[in-house]
């Protein structure tokens, strides 16, 4: 048991040591944001920003902002060079805001307004 806790603590410490940026709640569904996240995963930061500029999806400006924040965190806080790439980007489901849609004969349908969490981790290219 102590070995498992120690390993988990080391993994958490390793994750916190990487330069990253997190958006705690985006007001769009995770599946829509994942389409853009899949485009920029493993790509250099400059190219990822230009991809987000020209992709006609509503999630693109949000992903662009978080990638830019992660790159800025890497340069300012971790002292990395400008030669960065998006090493990890993942989108998790957030909370769901329930709404009610009135229907005929006193019924009500539920509308689910979904949210998501976006996490971007950048790293230097190793050659």
Protein backbone atom coordinates (compact mmCIF):
# COMPACT_ATOMS: atom_id res chain seq x y z
CA UNK A 1 0.00 0.00 0.00
CA UNK A 2 2.70 2.57 0.81
CA UNK A 3 4.45 1.84 -2.52
CA UNK A 4 1.22 2.55 -4.40
CA UNK A 5 0.70 5.84 -2.57
CA UNK A 6 4.31 6.81 -3.17
CA UNK A 7 4.04 6.02 -6.88
CA UNK A 8 0.84 8.03 -7.16
CA UNK A 9 2.44 10.99 -5.38
CA UNK A 10 5.41 10.83 -7.75
CA UNK A 11 3.10 10.82 -10.77
CA UNK A 12 1.23 13.82 -9.42
CA UNK A 13 4.48 15.67 -8.76
CA UNK A 14 5.68 14.87 -12.27
CA UNK A 15 2.46 16.22 -13.77
CA UNK A 16 2.71 19.44 -11.76
CA UNK A 17 6.33 19.96 -12.84
CA UNK A 18 5.35 20.15 -16.51
CA UNK A 19 4.35 23.54 -17.93
CA UNK A 20 0.63 23.43 -18.50
CA UNK A 21 -2.52 25.50 -18.65
CA UNK A 22 -6.02 24.47 -17.60
CA UNK A 23 -9.38 25.91 -18.49
CA UNK A 24 -11.64 24.82 -15.64
CA UNK A 25 -14.92 25.16 -17.51
CA UNK A 26 -15.72 25.77 -21.15
CA UNK A 27 -19.39 26.11 -22.00
CA UNK A 28 -19.40 23.64 -24.88
CA UNK A 29 -19.49 19.88 -25.09
CA UNK A 30 -16.30 17.87 -24.77
CA UNK A 31 -16.79 16.10 -28.10
CA UNK A 32 -16.77 19.42 -29.98
CA UNK A 33 -13.59 20.60 -28.26
CA UNK A 34 -11.91 17.21 -28.84
CA UNK A 35 -12.15 17.75 -32.61
CA UNK A 36 -9.83 20.76 -32.31
CA UNK A 37 -7.66 19.12 -29.64
CA UNK A 38 -6.95 16.21 -31.97
CA UNK A 39 -5.72 18.63 -34.64
CA UNK A 40 -3.13 20.34 -32.41
CA UNK A 41 -1.85 17.33 -30.43
CA UNK A 42 1.87 16.75 -31.04
CA UNK A 43 2.25 19.88 -33.18
CA UNK A 44 4.67 22.79 -32.54
CA UNK A 45 3.02 25.65 -30.64
CA UNK A 46 3.35 28.17 -33.49
CA UNK A 47 1.68 25.77 -35.92
CA UNK A 48 -1.02 24.91 -33.37
CA UNK A 49 -1.87 28.60 -32.99
CA UNK A 50 -2.13 29.05 -36.75
CA UNK A 51 -4.30 25.92 -37.06
CA UNK A 52 -6.67 27.35 -34.46
CA UNK A 53 -6.79 30.66 -36.35
CA UNK A 54 -8.02 29.06 -39.55
CA UNK A 55 -10.29 26.28 -38.31
CA UNK A 56 -13.94 27.40 -38.52
CA UNK A 57 -15.14 25.88 -35.23
CA UNK A 58 -16.45 27.67 -32.18
CA UNK A 59 -13.99 25.84 -29.94
CA UNK A 60 -10.90 26.95 -31.90
CA UNK A 61 -10.40 30.37 -30.19
CA UNK A 62 -10.76 28.73 -26.77
CA UNK A 63 -8.17 26.05 -27.57
CA UNK A 64 -5.88 28.72 -29.04
CA UNK A 65 -6.04 30.78 -25.86
CA UNK A 66 -5.17 27.82 -23.62
CA UNK A 67 -2.28 26.70 -25.87
CA UNK A 68 -0.94 30.26 -25.78
CA UNK A 69 -1.21 30.32 -21.97
CA UNK A 70 0.63 27.01 -21.67
CA UNK A 71 3.45 28.30 -23.89
CA UNK A 72 3.69 31.49 -21.82
CA UNK A 73 3.80 29.45 -18.60
CA UNK A 74 6.62 27.33 -20.04
CA UNK A 75 8.71 30.36 -20.97
CA UNK A 76 8.05 32.43 -17.83
CA UNK A 77 7.79 29.86 -15.04
CA UNK A 78 9.89 26.94 -16.27
CA UNK A 79 12.49 28.85 -18.30
CA UNK A 80 12.04 26.75 -21.45
CA UNK A 81 12.95 27.97 -24.93
CA UNK A 82 10.51 29.08 -27.61
CA UNK A 83 10.91 25.73 -29.43
CA UNK A 84 7.86 24.11 -27.79
CA UNK A 85 5.29 21.61 -28.93
CA UNK A 86 1.94 20.46 -27.56
CA UNK A 87 2.93 17.23 -25.83
CA UNK A 88 -0.45 16.53 -24.23
CA UNK A 89 -3.88 17.99 -24.68
CA UNK A 90 -6.95 16.38 -23.21
CA UNK A 91 -10.56 17.32 -22.76
CA UNK A 92 -12.59 16.02 -19.82
CA UNK A 93 -16.30 16.36 -19.30
CA UNK A 94 -17.29 19.00 -16.79
CA UNK A 95 -20.55 19.56 -14.98
CA UNK A 96 -23.85 19.54 -16.86
CA UNK A 97 -26.27 22.41 -16.41
CA UNK A 98 -29.83 21.03 -16.43
CA UNK A 99 -32.54 23.07 -18.13
CA UNK A 100 -36.21 22.35 -18.76
CA UNK A 101 -38.04 22.57 -22.09
CA UNK A 102 -41.83 22.81 -21.71
CA UNK A 103 -43.73 20.32 -23.83
CA UNK A 104 -47.37 19.55 -24.53
CA UNK A 105 -49.84 18.38 -21.88
CA UNK A 106 -47.76 19.61 -18.94
CA UNK A 107 -44.71 17.51 -19.72
CA UNK A 108 -41.17 18.76 -19.59
CA UNK A 109 -38.11 17.58 -21.48
CA UNK A 110 -34.67 17.99 -20.00
CA UNK A 111 -32.04 19.99 -21.87
CA UNK A 112 -28.43 19.20 -20.92
CA UNK A 113 -26.08 22.15 -21.35
CA UNK A 114 -22.71 20.46 -21.21
CA UNK A 115 -19.35 21.86 -20.16
CA UNK A 116 -15.80 20.57 -20.37
CA UNK A 117 -12.31 21.04 -18.92
CA UNK A 118 -9.37 21.60 -21.25
CA UNK A 119 -5.78 20.84 -20.19
CA UNK A 120 -2.75 21.59 -22.36
CA UNK A 121 0.81 20.46 -21.54
CA UNK A 122 3.74 21.72 -23.60
CA UNK A 123 7.33 20.49 -23.73
CA UNK A 124 10.58 21.16 -25.54
CA UNK A 125 11.45 19.12 -28.60
CA UNK A 126 14.14 16.57 -27.80
CA UNK A 127 16.47 15.82 -30.70
